[in-house]
Amino acid sequence: MRLSYIPPTEITPEQRSLYDDMKAGIAAKYSAFKTIREDGAILGPWSAWLHEPELGAAIWSVTKAMTRFRHLPEPVRQIVILVVGSRFKAAYEIYAHSVVAKSAGITDEQLATILAGQRPPDLTEAGGLAYDAAFALLGGGVLASPIYEKALALFGRHGVNELIYLVGHYCFVSITLNGFDIPVPGDEPA
């Protein structure tokens, strides 16, 4: 880990409002996996964002907006996020969203296949299209018109927008996790 976790006793005045907002938001939304250490230090990508409170506040604001901007079914959202996390091999992202995906109905076999970088054969039409679109976007270049048009027909304008924004946002989250070598809970330093 390249940035230390910051326990509440070491939070600077500049970091305080961001820490308080992130802690409250994380506790309200992300209870299915470990996000906060026993001493109150925030884990995951949020721990990195706290080191640069001005930039971190902007990123956290986008994260909260992405959490509220929901037009896709939850299993579809999780497939997109897992395709990104597995592409980047972002350990904390895979850890966290594997838990969320299972609670959204993604099977163990589907999860294992996605994490292996492959498309599960038994995805729903929406899940398969989400996988294909996310995978294509991660390959670079313009999203092919047939995938885009099919997504538009299936998910609507806001759903397609959400899918594209999810890929971009979770690319950023994954890069943050990998760049700062942020571990999964249990592997983090004391």
N, C-alpha and C. Protein backbone atom coordinates (compact mmCIF):
# COMPACT_ATOMS: atom_id res chain seq x y z
N MET A 1 0.85 -1.17 0.00
CA MET A 1 0.00 0.00 0.00
C MET A 1 0.89 1.23 0.00
N ARG A 2 0.56 2.15 -0.88
CA ARG A 2 1.45 3.30 -1.10
C ARG A 2 1.01 4.56 -0.38
N LEU A 3 -0.22 4.61 0.06
CA LEU A 3 -0.72 5.72 0.88
C LEU A 3 -1.25 5.11 2.18
N SER A 4 -0.95 5.74 3.28
CA SER A 4 -1.41 5.19 4.55
C SER A 4 -2.90 5.46 4.74
N TYR A 5 -3.54 4.57 5.49
CA TYR A 5 -4.90 4.83 5.92
C TYR A 5 -4.83 5.94 6.96
N ILE A 6 -5.86 6.77 7.00
CA ILE A 6 -5.86 7.89 7.92
C ILE A 6 -6.94 7.66 8.98
N PRO A 7 -6.53 7.31 10.20
CA PRO A 7 -7.54 7.16 11.25
C PRO A 7 -8.11 8.53 11.63
N PRO A 8 -9.31 8.57 12.18
CA PRO A 8 -9.96 9.84 12.51
C PRO A 8 -9.12 10.74 13.41
N THR A 9 -8.28 10.14 14.25
CA THR A 9 -7.45 10.96 15.15
C THR A 9 -6.37 11.73 14.40
N GLU A 10 -6.11 11.34 13.13
CA GLU A 10 -5.08 12.02 12.34
C GLU A 10 -5.64 12.85 11.19
N ILE A 11 -6.95 12.97 11.12
CA ILE A 11 -7.59 13.74 10.06
C ILE A 11 -7.28 15.22 10.26
N THR A 12 -6.87 15.90 9.19
CA THR A 12 -6.59 17.33 9.26
C THR A 12 -7.90 18.11 9.14
N PRO A 13 -7.88 19.38 9.52
CA PRO A 13 -9.10 20.19 9.35
C PRO A 13 -9.57 20.22 7.88
N GLU A 14 -8.64 20.20 6.93
CA GLU A 14 -9.00 20.21 5.51
C GLU A 14 -9.67 18.90 5.09
N GLN A 15 -9.34 17.83 5.76
CA GLN A 15 -9.89 16.51 5.41
C GLN A 15 -11.19 16.19 6.16
N ARG A 16 -11.47 16.90 7.22
CA ARG A 16 -12.57 16.54 8.14
C ARG A 16 -13.92 16.45 7.44
N SER A 17 -14.33 17.46 6.68
CA SER A 17 -15.67 17.41 6.10
C SER A 17 -15.78 16.30 5.06
N LEU A 18 -14.71 16.06 4.29
CA LEU A 18 -14.73 14.97 3.32
C LEU A 18 -14.80 13.63 4.04
N TYR A 19 -13.99 13.46 5.07
CA TYR A 19 -14.01 12.22 5.84
C TYR A 19 -15.42 11.96 6.39
N ASP A 20 -16.01 12.97 7.02
CA ASP A 20 -17.34 12.81 7.61
C ASP A 20 -18.39 12.45 6.55
N ASP A 21 -18.33 13.13 5.39
CA ASP A 21 -19.29 12.86 4.32
C ASP A 21 -19.09 11.47 3.74
N MET A 22 -17.82 11.10 3.49
CA MET A 22 -17.56 9.76 2.95
C MET A 22 -17.97 8.69 3.94
N LYS A 23 -17.62 8.86 5.20
CA LYS A 23 -17.96 7.84 6.20
C LYS A 23 -19.47 7.64 6.28
N ALA A 24 -20.23 8.73 6.28
CA ALA A 24 -21.68 8.62 6.33
C ALA A 24 -22.24 7.97 5.07
N GLY A 25 -21.74 8.38 3.91
CA GLY A 25 -22.21 7.82 2.65
C GLY A 25 -21.85 6.36 2.48
N ILE A 26 -20.65 6.02 2.88
CA ILE A 26 -20.19 4.64 2.79
C ILE A 26 -21.02 3.75 3.71
N ALA A 27 -21.24 4.22 4.92
CA ALA A 27 -22.02 3.43 5.89
C ALA A 27 -23.45 3.22 5.41
N ALA A 28 -24.02 4.23 4.74
CA ALA A 28 -25.41 4.13 4.28
C ALA A 28 -25.55 3.23 3.06
N LYS A 29 -24.54 3.16 2.22
CA LYS A 29 -24.66 2.46 0.95
C LYS A 29 -23.91 1.14 0.87
N TYR A 30 -22.75 1.07 1.49
CA TYR A 30 -21.85 -0.05 1.26
C TYR A 30 -21.68 -0.91 2.51
N SER A 31 -22.75 -1.51 2.97
CA SER A 31 -22.67 -2.31 4.19
C SER A 31 -22.40 -3.79 3.92
N ALA A 32 -22.41 -4.20 2.67
CA ALA A 32 -22.26 -5.62 2.35
C ALA A 32 -20.81 -6.09 2.38
N PHE A 33 -19.86 -5.15 2.44
CA PHE A 33 -18.44 -5.50 2.48
C PHE A 33 -17.72 -4.51 3.39
N LYS A 34 -16.51 -4.84 3.78
CA LYS A 34 -15.78 -4.03 4.75
C LYS A 34 -15.22 -2.77 4.10
N THR A 35 -15.58 -1.63 4.69
CA THR A 35 -15.19 -0.33 4.15
C THR A 35 -14.43 0.54 5.15
N ILE A 36 -14.52 0.18 6.42
CA ILE A 36 -13.91 1.00 7.48
C ILE A 36 -13.21 0.09 8.48
N ARG A 37 -11.98 0.47 8.83
CA ARG A 37 -11.23 -0.30 9.82
C ARG A 37 -11.81 -0.05 11.20
N GLU A 38 -11.42 -0.91 12.14
CA GLU A 38 -11.91 -0.79 13.52
C GLU A 38 -11.56 0.57 14.13
N ASP A 39 -10.44 1.17 13.72
CA ASP A 39 -10.04 2.47 14.28
C ASP A 39 -10.72 3.63 13.57
N GLY A 40 -11.60 3.35 12.60
CA GLY A 40 -12.33 4.39 11.90
C GLY A 40 -11.70 4.83 10.58
N ALA A 41 -10.53 4.29 10.23
CA ALA A 41 -9.90 4.64 8.96
C ALA A 41 -10.72 4.04 7.81
N ILE A 42 -10.92 4.85 6.78
CA ILE A 42 -11.68 4.42 5.61
C ILE A 42 -10.78 3.59 4.71
N LEU A 43 -11.34 2.50 4.17
CA LEU A 43 -10.61 1.60 3.28
C LEU A 43 -10.97 1.89 1.82
N GLY A 44 -10.50 1.06 0.92
CA GLY A 44 -10.88 1.15 -0.48
C GLY A 44 -10.39 2.42 -1.16
N PRO A 45 -11.01 2.77 -2.29
CA PRO A 45 -10.55 3.95 -3.04
C PRO A 45 -10.73 5.24 -2.25
N TRP A 46 -11.69 5.23 -1.34
CA TRP A 46 -11.96 6.44 -0.55
C TRP A 46 -10.75 6.83 0.28
N SER A 47 -9.98 5.83 0.71
CA SER A 47 -8.79 6.12 1.53
C SER A 47 -7.80 6.97 0.75
N ALA A 48 -7.67 6.72 -0.54
CA ALA A 48 -6.75 7.52 -1.37
C ALA A 48 -7.30 8.92 -1.58
N TRP A 49 -8.58 9.02 -1.85
CA TRP A 49 -9.18 10.33 -2.13
C TRP A 49 -9.07 11.27 -0.94
N LEU A 50 -9.05 10.71 0.24
CA LEU A 50 -8.95 11.52 1.45
C LEU A 50 -7.61 12.25 1.56
N HIS A 51 -6.57 11.71 0.93
CA HIS A 51 -5.25 12.33 0.99
C HIS A 51 -5.20 13.67 0.25
N GLU A 52 -6.06 13.86 -0.72
CA GLU A 52 -6.13 15.11 -1.48
C GLU A 52 -7.57 15.61 -1.39
N PRO A 53 -7.92 16.29 -0.28
CA PRO A 53 -9.33 16.57 -0.01
C PRO A 53 -10.05 17.41 -1.07
N GLU A 54 -9.36 18.32 -1.71
CA GLU A 54 -10.04 19.13 -2.73
C GLU A 54 -10.42 18.25 -3.93
N LEU A 55 -9.48 17.50 -4.43
CA LEU A 55 -9.75 16.59 -5.53
C LEU A 55 -10.65 15.45 -5.07
N GLY A 56 -10.37 14.92 -3.88
CA GLY A 56 -11.17 13.83 -3.34
C GLY A 56 -12.63 14.19 -3.21
N ALA A 57 -12.92 15.43 -2.83
CA ALA A 57 -14.31 15.88 -2.69
C ALA A 57 -15.02 15.86 -4.05
N ALA A 58 -14.29 16.25 -5.10
CA ALA A 58 -14.88 16.24 -6.44
C ALA A 58 -15.16 14.80 -6.89
N ILE A 59 -14.20 13.92 -6.65
CA ILE A 59 -14.38 12.52 -7.04
C ILE A 59 -15.52 11.89 -6.23
N TRP A 60 -15.56 12.18 -4.95
CA TRP A 60 -16.62 11.66 -4.10
C TRP A 60 -17.98 12.17 -4.57
N SER A 61 -18.04 13.41 -5.02
CA SER A 61 -19.28 13.97 -5.53
C SER A 61 -19.76 13.20 -6.76
N VAL A 62 -18.85 12.87 -7.65
CA VAL A 62 -19.20 12.06 -8.83
C VAL A 62 -19.66 10.67 -8.40
N THR A 63 -18.97 10.09 -7.43
CA THR A 63 -19.33 8.76 -6.94
C THR A 63 -20.76 8.77 -6.38
N LYS A 64 -21.08 9.78 -5.60
CA LYS A 64 -22.44 9.88 -5.05
C LYS A 64 -23.46 10.06 -6.16
N ALA A 65 -23.13 10.86 -7.17
CA ALA A 65 -24.04 11.06 -8.30
C ALA A 65 -24.26 9.75 -9.05
N MET A 66 -23.19 8.97 -9.25
CA MET A 66 -23.32 7.68 -9.93
C MET A 66 -24.17 6.71 -9.12
N THR A 67 -24.11 6.82 -7.82
CA THR A 67 -24.93 5.97 -6.95
C THR A 67 -26.42 6.32 -7.08
N ARG A 68 -26.70 7.60 -7.26
CA ARG A 68 -28.10 8.04 -7.40
C ARG A 68 -28.65 7.87 -8.81
N PHE A 69 -27.78 7.93 -9.82
CA PHE A 69 -28.19 7.87 -11.23
C PHE A 69 -28.40 6.41 -11.61
N ARG A 70 -29.62 5.93 -11.42
CA ARG A 70 -29.91 4.50 -11.59
C ARG A 70 -31.05 4.31 -12.58
N HIS A 71 -30.67 3.80 -13.74
CA HIS A 71 -31.66 3.48 -14.76
C HIS A 71 -31.52 2.04 -15.23
N LEU A 72 -30.42 1.40 -14.86
CA LEU A 72 -30.18 0.00 -15.20
C LEU A 72 -30.56 -0.89 -14.04
N PRO A 73 -31.01 -2.10 -14.32
CA PRO A 73 -31.26 -3.06 -13.22
C PRO A 73 -29.94 -3.34 -12.48
N GLU A 74 -30.03 -3.61 -11.21
CA GLU A 74 -28.82 -3.83 -10.39
C GLU A 74 -27.91 -4.94 -10.92
N PRO A 75 -28.45 -6.08 -11.36
CA PRO A 75 -27.53 -7.10 -11.90
C PRO A 75 -26.73 -6.57 -13.10
N VAL A 76 -27.36 -5.77 -13.93
CA VAL A 76 -26.68 -5.20 -15.10
C VAL A 76 -25.58 -4.25 -14.65
N ARG A 77 -25.88 -3.40 -13.68
CA ARG A 77 -24.86 -2.48 -13.14
C ARG A 77 -23.66 -3.28 -12.63
N GLN A 78 -23.93 -4.33 -11.90
CA GLN A 78 -22.84 -5.10 -11.30
C GLN A 78 -22.01 -5.83 -12.36
N ILE A 79 -22.65 -6.29 -13.41
CA ILE A 79 -21.90 -6.93 -14.50
C ILE A 79 -20.93 -5.91 -15.11
N VAL A 80 -21.42 -4.72 -15.37
CA VAL A 80 -20.55 -3.67 -15.94
C VAL A 80 -19.37 -3.39 -15.01
N ILE A 81 -19.64 -3.21 -13.73
CA ILE A 81 -18.59 -2.89 -12.76
C ILE A 81 -17.58 -4.04 -12.67
N LEU A 82 -18.07 -5.26 -12.67
CA LEU A 82 -17.16 -6.42 -12.58
C LEU A 82 -16.33 -6.61 -13.85
N VAL A 83 -16.89 -6.31 -15.00
CA VAL A 83 -16.11 -6.39 -16.23
C VAL A 83 -14.93 -5.42 -16.14
N VAL A 84 -15.20 -4.22 -15.64
CA VAL A 84 -14.13 -3.22 -15.49
C VAL A 84 -13.12 -3.67 -14.44
N GLY A 85 -13.60 -4.04 -13.26
CA GLY A 85 -12.70 -4.46 -12.19
C GLY A 85 -11.83 -5.64 -12.58
N SER A 86 -12.42 -6.60 -13.30
CA SER A 86 -11.63 -7.77 -13.71
C SER A 86 -10.63 -7.41 -14.79
N ARG A 87 -10.99 -6.49 -15.67
CA ARG A 87 -10.05 -6.06 -16.71
C ARG A 87 -8.80 -5.44 -16.10
N PHE A 88 -8.99 -4.66 -15.03
CA PHE A 88 -7.88 -4.00 -14.37
C PHE A 88 -7.28 -4.83 -13.24
N LYS A 89 -7.90 -5.96 -12.93
CA LYS A 89 -7.46 -6.80 -11.82
C LYS A 89 -7.37 -5.98 -10.53
N ALA A 90 -8.37 -5.16 -10.30
CA ALA A 90 -8.44 -4.28 -9.13
C ALA A 90 -9.01 -5.08 -7.96
N ALA A 91 -8.13 -5.53 -7.07
CA ALA A 91 -8.50 -6.48 -6.02
C ALA A 91 -9.65 -6.00 -5.14
N TYR A 92 -9.58 -4.76 -4.65
CA TYR A 92 -10.64 -4.29 -3.76
C TYR A 92 -11.97 -4.18 -4.51
N GLU A 93 -11.92 -3.73 -5.75
CA GLU A 93 -13.12 -3.61 -6.57
C GLU A 93 -13.78 -4.98 -6.78
N ILE A 94 -12.96 -5.95 -7.10
CA ILE A 94 -13.46 -7.31 -7.29
C ILE A 94 -14.04 -7.85 -5.99
N TYR A 95 -13.32 -7.65 -4.90
CA TYR A 95 -13.80 -8.08 -3.57
C TYR A 95 -15.17 -7.47 -3.26
N ALA A 96 -15.26 -6.15 -3.38
CA ALA A 96 -16.47 -5.44 -2.98
C ALA A 96 -17.66 -5.78 -3.89
N HIS A 97 -17.45 -5.69 -5.19
CA HIS A 97 -18.58 -5.86 -6.09
C HIS A 97 -18.94 -7.32 -6.36
N SER A 98 -18.07 -8.24 -6.00
CA SER A 98 -18.47 -9.65 -6.03
C SER A 98 -19.57 -9.89 -5.00
N VAL A 99 -19.42 -9.28 -3.84
CA VAL A 99 -20.42 -9.41 -2.78
C VAL A 99 -21.74 -8.79 -3.23
N VAL A 100 -21.66 -7.57 -3.78
CA VAL A 100 -22.87 -6.87 -4.23
C VAL A 100 -23.53 -7.62 -5.38
N ALA A 101 -22.72 -8.12 -6.32
CA ALA A 101 -23.27 -8.84 -7.47
C ALA A 101 -24.01 -10.10 -7.03
N LYS A 102 -23.46 -10.83 -6.09
CA LYS A 102 -24.14 -12.04 -5.61
C LYS A 102 -25.49 -11.68 -4.99
N SER A 103 -25.53 -10.59 -4.23
CA SER A 103 -26.79 -10.19 -3.62
C SER A 103 -27.79 -9.69 -4.67
N ALA A 104 -27.29 -9.32 -5.87
CA ALA A 104 -28.15 -8.88 -6.95
C ALA A 104 -28.57 -10.04 -7.86
N GLY A 105 -28.12 -11.26 -7.54
CA GLY A 105 -28.55 -12.42 -8.29
C GLY A 105 -27.56 -12.99 -9.28
N ILE A 106 -26.35 -12.47 -9.31
CA ILE A 106 -25.31 -13.04 -10.18
C ILE A 106 -24.85 -14.33 -9.52
N THR A 107 -24.83 -15.42 -10.28
CA THR A 107 -24.46 -16.72 -9.71
C THR A 107 -22.94 -16.82 -9.53
N ASP A 108 -22.53 -17.80 -8.72
CA ASP A 108 -21.10 -18.04 -8.53
C ASP A 108 -20.40 -18.36 -9.85
N GLU A 109 -21.07 -19.15 -10.69
CA GLU A 109 -20.47 -19.51 -11.99
C GLU A 109 -20.33 -18.29 -12.89
N GLN A 110 -21.37 -17.46 -12.93
CA GLN A 110 -21.31 -16.24 -13.74
C GLN A 110 -20.21 -15.33 -13.23
N LEU A 111 -20.13 -15.18 -11.94
CA LEU A 111 -19.11 -14.34 -11.33
C LEU A 111 -17.72 -14.84 -11.67
N ALA A 112 -17.49 -16.13 -11.52
CA ALA A 112 -16.17 -16.70 -11.82
C ALA A 112 -15.81 -16.50 -13.29
N THR A 113 -16.78 -16.64 -14.16
CA THR A 113 -16.52 -16.47 -15.59
C THR A 113 -16.19 -15.02 -15.92
N ILE A 114 -16.94 -14.09 -15.38
CA ILE A 114 -16.65 -12.66 -15.60
C ILE A 114 -15.27 -12.32 -15.08
N LEU A 115 -14.94 -12.80 -13.88
CA LEU A 115 -13.64 -12.49 -13.29
C LEU A 115 -12.49 -13.14 -14.05
N ALA A 116 -12.80 -14.17 -14.84
CA ALA A 116 -11.79 -14.81 -15.70
C ALA A 116 -11.67 -14.08 -17.04
N GLY A 117 -12.44 -13.00 -17.20
CA GLY A 117 -12.37 -12.21 -18.43
C GLY A 117 -13.20 -12.78 -19.58
N GLN A 118 -14.19 -13.59 -19.24
CA GLN A 118 -15.02 -14.20 -20.27
C GLN A 118 -16.49 -13.88 -20.03
N ARG A 119 -17.27 -14.01 -21.08
CA ARG A 119 -18.71 -13.74 -21.00
C ARG A 119 -19.45 -15.02 -20.61
N PRO A 120 -20.17 -15.00 -19.51
CA PRO A 120 -20.95 -16.18 -19.14
C PRO A 120 -22.01 -16.47 -20.21
N PRO A 121 -22.20 -17.72 -20.56
CA PRO A 121 -23.16 -18.05 -21.62
C PRO A 121 -24.62 -17.92 -21.17
N ASP A 122 -24.86 -17.89 -19.87
CA ASP A 122 -26.23 -17.90 -19.37
C ASP A 122 -26.71 -16.55 -18.85
N LEU A 123 -26.10 -15.46 -19.28
CA LEU A 123 -26.58 -14.14 -18.87
C LEU A 123 -27.91 -13.84 -19.54
N THR A 124 -28.70 -13.02 -18.91
CA THR A 124 -29.92 -12.54 -19.55
C THR A 124 -29.54 -11.69 -20.76
N GLU A 125 -30.51 -11.35 -21.57
CA GLU A 125 -30.22 -10.48 -22.72
C GLU A 125 -29.60 -9.16 -22.25
N ALA A 126 -30.17 -8.58 -21.20
CA ALA A 126 -29.64 -7.31 -20.68
C ALA A 126 -28.24 -7.49 -20.12
N GLY A 127 -28.03 -8.56 -19.37
CA GLY A 127 -26.71 -8.82 -18.80
C GLY A 127 -25.66 -9.07 -19.86
N GLY A 128 -26.02 -9.84 -20.88
CA GLY A 128 -25.10 -10.11 -21.97
C GLY A 128 -24.74 -8.85 -22.75
N LEU A 129 -25.72 -8.01 -22.99
CA LEU A 129 -25.47 -6.76 -23.70
C LEU A 129 -24.59 -5.83 -22.86
N ALA A 130 -24.84 -5.79 -21.56
CA ALA A 130 -24.01 -4.98 -20.67
C ALA A 130 -22.58 -5.47 -20.69
N TYR A 131 -22.40 -6.78 -20.62
CA TYR A 131 -21.05 -7.35 -20.70
C TYR A 131 -20.38 -6.95 -22.00
N ASP A 132 -21.08 -7.14 -23.12
CA ASP A 132 -20.52 -6.84 -24.43
C ASP A 132 -20.14 -5.37 -24.56
N ALA A 133 -21.01 -4.48 -24.11
CA ALA A 133 -20.74 -3.04 -24.22
C ALA A 133 -19.54 -2.65 -23.35
N ALA A 134 -19.51 -3.10 -22.11
CA ALA A 134 -18.40 -2.77 -21.22
C ALA A 134 -17.09 -3.32 -21.77
N PHE A 135 -17.11 -4.57 -22.22
CA PHE A 135 -15.92 -5.21 -22.77
C PHE A 135 -15.42 -4.43 -23.99
N ALA A 136 -16.34 -4.04 -24.86
CA ALA A 136 -15.96 -3.29 -26.06
C ALA A 136 -15.38 -1.93 -25.70
N LEU A 137 -15.99 -1.23 -24.76
CA LEU A 137 -15.46 0.08 -24.35
C LEU A 137 -14.05 -0.05 -23.77
N LEU A 138 -13.82 -1.10 -23.02
CA LEU A 138 -12.49 -1.30 -22.43
C LEU A 138 -11.43 -1.64 -23.48
N GLY A 139 -11.87 -2.07 -24.66
CA GLY A 139 -10.95 -2.37 -25.75
C GLY A 139 -10.46 -1.13 -26.47
N GLY A 140 -11.09 0.00 -26.21
CA GLY A 140 -10.70 1.25 -26.85
C GLY A 140 -11.49 1.50 -28.12
N GLY A 141 -11.48 2.73 -28.55
CA GLY A 141 -12.19 3.13 -29.76
C GLY A 141 -13.66 3.40 -29.49
N VAL A 142 -14.34 3.78 -30.56
CA VAL A 142 -15.76 4.11 -30.49
C VAL A 142 -16.56 2.82 -30.30
N LEU A 143 -17.55 2.88 -29.44
CA LEU A 143 -18.44 1.73 -29.23
C LEU A 143 -19.14 1.44 -30.55
N ALA A 144 -19.07 0.21 -31.00
CA ALA A 144 -19.66 -0.17 -32.29
C ALA A 144 -21.15 0.16 -32.33
N SER A 145 -21.60 0.65 -33.46
CA SER A 145 -23.00 1.06 -33.62
C SER A 145 -24.00 -0.04 -33.30
N PRO A 146 -23.78 -1.30 -33.73
CA PRO A 146 -24.77 -2.33 -33.39
C PRO A 146 -24.95 -2.52 -31.88
N ILE A 147 -23.85 -2.47 -31.14
CA ILE A 147 -23.95 -2.61 -29.67
C ILE A 147 -24.66 -1.38 -29.09
N TYR A 148 -24.25 -0.21 -29.54
CA TYR A 148 -24.84 1.03 -29.03
C TYR A 148 -26.35 1.07 -29.32
N GLU A 149 -26.73 0.76 -30.56
CA GLU A 149 -28.15 0.82 -30.94
C GLU A 149 -28.97 -0.22 -30.18
N LYS A 150 -28.42 -1.40 -30.00
CA LYS A 150 -29.13 -2.44 -29.25
C LYS A 150 -29.29 -2.01 -27.79
N ALA A 151 -28.24 -1.42 -27.21
CA ALA A 151 -28.31 -0.93 -25.83
C ALA A 151 -29.34 0.19 -25.71
N LEU A 152 -29.37 1.06 -26.69
CA LEU A 152 -30.34 2.16 -26.68
C LEU A 152 -31.76 1.60 -26.72
N ALA A 153 -31.99 0.60 -27.55
CA ALA A 153 -33.33 0.00 -27.64
C ALA A 153 -33.71 -0.74 -26.35
N LEU A 154 -32.74 -1.39 -25.72
CA LEU A 154 -33.02 -2.19 -24.53
C LEU A 154 -33.05 -1.36 -23.24
N PHE A 155 -32.10 -0.42 -23.12
CA PHE A 155 -31.95 0.32 -21.87
C PHE A 155 -32.49 1.75 -21.91
N GLY A 156 -32.75 2.29 -23.10
CA GLY A 156 -33.17 3.68 -23.21
C GLY A 156 -31.97 4.61 -23.10
N ARG A 157 -32.21 5.87 -23.39
CA ARG A 157 -31.15 6.88 -23.39
C ARG A 157 -30.43 6.95 -22.04
N HIS A 158 -31.17 7.08 -20.96
CA HIS A 158 -30.54 7.22 -19.64
C HIS A 158 -29.79 5.95 -19.24
N GLY A 159 -30.32 4.79 -19.62
CA GLY A 159 -29.64 3.54 -19.32
C GLY A 159 -28.32 3.40 -20.05
N VAL A 160 -28.30 3.78 -21.33
CA VAL A 160 -27.05 3.74 -22.09
C VAL A 160 -26.05 4.72 -21.49
N ASN A 161 -26.53 5.91 -21.15
CA ASN A 161 -25.64 6.90 -20.52
C ASN A 161 -25.04 6.33 -19.25
N GLU A 162 -25.89 5.73 -18.43
CA GLU A 162 -25.41 5.16 -17.18
C GLU A 162 -24.36 4.08 -17.43
N LEU A 163 -24.60 3.22 -18.38
CA LEU A 163 -23.65 2.14 -18.69
C LEU A 163 -22.28 2.74 -19.06
N ILE A 164 -22.29 3.71 -19.93
CA ILE A 164 -21.03 4.33 -20.36
C ILE A 164 -20.35 5.04 -19.19
N TYR A 165 -21.12 5.77 -18.41
CA TYR A 165 -20.54 6.47 -17.25
C TYR A 165 -19.99 5.49 -16.22
N LEU A 166 -20.69 4.36 -16.03
CA LEU A 166 -20.20 3.34 -15.10
C LEU A 166 -18.84 2.81 -15.53
N VAL A 167 -18.70 2.51 -16.81
CA VAL A 167 -17.41 2.02 -17.30
C VAL A 167 -16.32 3.05 -17.01
N GLY A 168 -16.56 4.30 -17.36
CA GLY A 168 -15.55 5.33 -17.13
C GLY A 168 -15.24 5.54 -15.67
N HIS A 169 -16.28 5.59 -14.85
CA HIS A 169 -16.07 5.84 -13.42
C HIS A 169 -15.30 4.69 -12.77
N TYR A 170 -15.68 3.47 -13.09
CA TYR A 170 -15.01 2.34 -12.46
C TYR A 170 -13.63 2.08 -13.05
N CYS A 171 -13.35 2.59 -14.24
CA CYS A 171 -11.96 2.61 -14.72
C CYS A 171 -11.14 3.50 -13.79
N PHE A 172 -11.68 4.67 -13.46
CA PHE A 172 -10.99 5.59 -12.56
C PHE A 172 -10.81 4.96 -11.18
N VAL A 173 -11.86 4.34 -10.66
CA VAL A 173 -11.77 3.69 -9.34
C VAL A 173 -10.71 2.59 -9.39
N SER A 174 -10.72 1.77 -10.43
CA SER A 174 -9.76 0.67 -10.53
C SER A 174 -8.33 1.17 -10.64
N ILE A 175 -8.13 2.22 -11.41
CA ILE A 175 -6.79 2.80 -11.54
C ILE A 175 -6.32 3.35 -10.19
N THR A 176 -7.23 3.98 -9.46
CA THR A 176 -6.90 4.48 -8.11
C THR A 176 -6.46 3.32 -7.22
N LEU A 177 -7.24 2.25 -7.21
CA LEU A 177 -6.92 1.09 -6.38
C LEU A 177 -5.58 0.48 -6.76
N ASN A 178 -5.34 0.33 -8.05
CA ASN A 178 -4.09 -0.30 -8.50
C ASN A 178 -2.90 0.63 -8.36
N GLY A 179 -3.08 1.90 -8.68
CA GLY A 179 -1.97 2.84 -8.59
C GLY A 179 -1.43 2.98 -7.17
N PHE A 180 -2.33 2.96 -6.21
CA PHE A 180 -1.93 3.09 -4.81
C PHE A 180 -1.85 1.74 -4.10
N ASP A 181 -2.01 0.65 -4.85
CA ASP A 181 -1.87 -0.71 -4.31
C ASP A 181 -2.74 -0.90 -3.07
N ILE A 182 -4.01 -0.55 -3.20
CA ILE A 182 -4.94 -0.62 -2.07
C ILE A 182 -5.46 -2.06 -1.96
N PRO A 183 -5.20 -2.71 -0.82
CA PRO A 183 -5.53 -4.13 -0.67
C PRO A 183 -6.98 -4.37 -0.23
N VAL A 184 -7.35 -5.64 -0.30
CA VAL A 184 -8.64 -6.06 0.24
C VAL A 184 -8.51 -6.14 1.77
N PRO A 185 -9.61 -6.02 2.49
CA PRO A 185 -9.55 -6.14 3.94
C PRO A 185 -8.92 -7.47 4.36
N GLY A 186 -8.10 -7.39 5.36
CA GLY A 186 -7.37 -8.57 5.84
C GLY A 186 -5.96 -8.60 5.31
N ASP A 187 -5.74 -7.93 4.17
CA ASP A 187 -4.41 -7.85 3.59
C ASP A 187 -3.77 -6.48 3.82
N GLU A 188 -4.53 -5.57 4.43
CA GLU A 188 -4.03 -4.21 4.62
C GLU A 188 -3.04 -4.12 5.78
N PRO A 189 -2.14 -3.16 5.71
CA PRO A 189 -1.18 -2.98 6.82
C PRO A 189 -1.89 -2.44 8.06
N ALA A 190 -1.26 -2.62 9.19
CA ALA A 190 -1.83 -2.12 10.45
C ALA A 190 -1.77 -0.61 10.52
